[in-house]
C-alpha atoms as a PDB file:
ATOM      1  CA  MET A   1      -0.256   0.203   0.273  1.00  0.00           C
ATOM      2  CA  HIS A   2       2.512   2.554   0.442  1.00  0.00           C
ATOM      3  CA  GLU A   3       4.181   1.826  -2.543  1.00  0.00           C
ATOM      4  CA  TRP A   4       1.578   3.312  -3.782  1.00  0.00           C
ATOM      5  CA  HIS A   5       1.218   6.530  -1.571  1.00  0.00           C
ATOM      6  CA  GLY A   6       4.569   8.338  -3.405  1.00  0.00           C
ATOM      7  CA  TYR A   7       2.507   7.273  -7.282  1.00  0.00           C
ATOM      8  CA  GLY A   8      -1.070   8.109  -6.055  1.00  0.00           C
ATOM      9  CA  GLY A   9      -0.290  11.464  -4.569  1.00  0.00           C
ATOM     10  CA  GLY A  10       1.620  13.105  -7.607  1.00  0.00           C
ATOM     11  CA  VAL A  11      -1.390  11.858  -9.996  1.00  0.00           C
ATOM     12  CA  MET A  12      -4.148  13.432  -7.340  1.00  0.00           C
ATOM     13  CA  TRP A  13      -1.678  17.147  -7.312  1.00  0.00           C
ATOM     14  CA  ILE A  14      -1.906  17.051 -11.569  1.00  0.00           C
ATOM     15  CA  PHE A  15      -5.399  16.143 -10.707  1.00  0.00           C
ATOM     16  CA  TRP A  16      -6.288  18.873  -8.500  1.00  0.00           C
ATOM     17  CA  VAL A  17      -4.168  21.171 -11.320  1.00  0.00           C
ATOM     18  CA  LEU A  18      -6.390  20.156 -14.309  1.00  0.00           C
ATOM     19  CA  LEU A  19      -9.664  20.833 -11.548  1.00  0.00           C
ATOM     20  CA  VAL A  20      -8.414  24.616 -10.709  1.00  0.00           C
ATOM     21  CA  VAL A  21      -7.850  24.921 -14.733  1.00  0.00           C
ATOM     22  CA  VAL A  22     -10.685  23.884 -16.403  1.00  0.00           C
ATOM     23  CA  ILE A  23     -12.912  25.893 -13.797  1.00  0.00           C
ATOM     24  CA  LEU A  24     -11.138  28.195 -14.248  1.00  0.00           C
ATOM     25  CA  TRP A  25     -11.857  28.465 -18.375  1.00  0.00           C
ATOM     26  CA  ILE A  26     -15.763  28.271 -18.183  1.00  0.00           C
ATOM     27  CA  VAL A  27     -15.936  30.688 -15.481  1.00  0.00           C
ATOM     28  CA  LYS A  28     -13.304  32.832 -18.038  1.00  0.00           C
ATOM     29  CA  THR A  29     -15.434  31.618 -21.040  1.00  0.00           C
ATOM     30  CA  ALA A  30     -19.305  32.098 -19.591  1.00  0.00           C
ATOM     31  CA  ALA A  31     -17.650  36.173 -18.286  1.00  0.00           C
ATOM     32  CA  GLY A  32     -17.571  36.310 -22.273  1.00  0.00           C
ATOM     33  CA  GLY A  33     -13.241  37.116 -21.243  1.00  0.00           C
ATOM     34  CA  GLY A  34     -14.035  40.320 -22.604  1.00  0.00           C
ATOM     35  CA  LYS A  35     -14.418  39.527 -26.560  1.00  0.00           C
ATOM     36  CA  ASN A  36     -16.996  40.192 -28.699  1.00  0.00           C
ATOM     37  CA  SER A  37     -18.853  36.933 -29.984  1.00  0.00           C
ATOM     38  CA  THR A  38     -17.031  36.746 -33.030  1.00  0.00           C
ATOM     39  CA  GLY A  39     -13.701  36.129 -30.665  1.00  0.00           C
ATOM     40  CA  GLU A  40     -11.784  39.737 -31.091  1.00  0.00           C
ATOM     41  CA  GLN A  41     -11.201  41.674 -28.734  1.00  0.00           C
ATOM     42  CA  LYS A  42     -13.467  45.074 -28.570  1.00  0.00           C
ATOM     43  CA  SER A  43     -11.859  48.291 -29.590  1.00  0.00           C
ATOM     44  CA  ALA A  44     -12.168  51.336 -27.665  1.00  0.00           C
ATOM     45  CA  LEU A  45     -14.451  52.861 -29.847  1.00  0.00           C
ATOM     46  CA  ASP A  46     -16.911  49.987 -29.692  1.00  0.00           C
ATOM     47  CA  ILE A  47     -16.367  50.453 -25.930  1.00  0.00           C
ATOM     48  CA  LEU A  48     -17.453  54.568 -26.421  1.00  0.00           C
ATOM     49  CA  GLN A  49     -20.511  53.577 -28.362  1.00  0.00           C
ATOM     50  CA  GLN A  50     -21.791  50.619 -26.008  1.00  0.00           C
ATOM     51  CA  ARG A  51     -21.451  53.217 -22.268  1.00  0.00           C
ATOM     52  CA  TYR A  52     -23.168  56.110 -24.621  1.00  0.00           C
ATOM     53  CA  ALA A  53     -25.376  53.335 -25.688  1.00  0.00           C
ATOM     54  CA  ARG A  54     -26.380  52.535 -22.033  1.00  0.00           C
ATOM     55  CA  GLY A  55     -27.073  56.384 -20.959  1.00  0.00           C
ATOM     56  CA  GLU A  56     -23.310  56.386 -18.752  1.00  0.00           C
ATOM     57  CA  ILE A  57     -21.981  59.335 -21.144  1.00  0.00           C
ATOM     58  CA  GLU A  58     -23.627  62.316 -22.373  1.00  0.00           C
ATOM     59  CA  ARG A  59     -23.633  63.093 -25.891  1.00  0.00           C
ATOM     60  CA  GLU A  60     -20.779  65.717 -25.736  1.00  0.00           C
ATOM     61  CA  GLU A  61     -18.577  63.350 -23.667  1.00  0.00           C
ATOM     62  CA  PHE A  62     -19.089  60.652 -26.211  1.00  0.00           C
ATOM     63  CA  GLU A  63     -18.269  63.091 -29.268  1.00  0.00           C
ATOM     64  CA  GLN A  64     -15.056  64.136 -27.608  1.00  0.00           C
ATOM     65  CA  LYS A  65     -13.597  60.917 -27.087  1.00  0.00           C
ATOM     66  CA  ARG A  66     -14.614  59.622 -29.992  1.00  0.00           C
ATOM     67  CA  LYS A  67     -12.705  62.604 -31.924  1.00  0.00           C
ATOM     68  CA  ASP A  68      -9.757  61.838 -29.555  1.00  0.00           C
ATOM     69  CA  LEU A  69      -9.734  58.190 -30.727  1.00  0.00           C
ATOM     70  CA  SER A  70      -9.941  58.925 -34.045  1.00  0.00           C
ATOM     71  CA  ARG A  71      -6.507  60.849 -34.161  1.00  0.00           C
END
């Protein structure tokens, strides 16, 4: 029985590491991981447009930031 203790401990360690990696991957995927449906990073302009659409910023601030981004 003691012969398998070292082997089993190593396998269990690998199992727990893989389990944590899989859980983190699932959480990141479920949260969207900061990517849109095509798998690409959102541009600054996309984020700005979303903020404006949600009413987080006013039109004047949106226009100024849009001009700043286009420079």
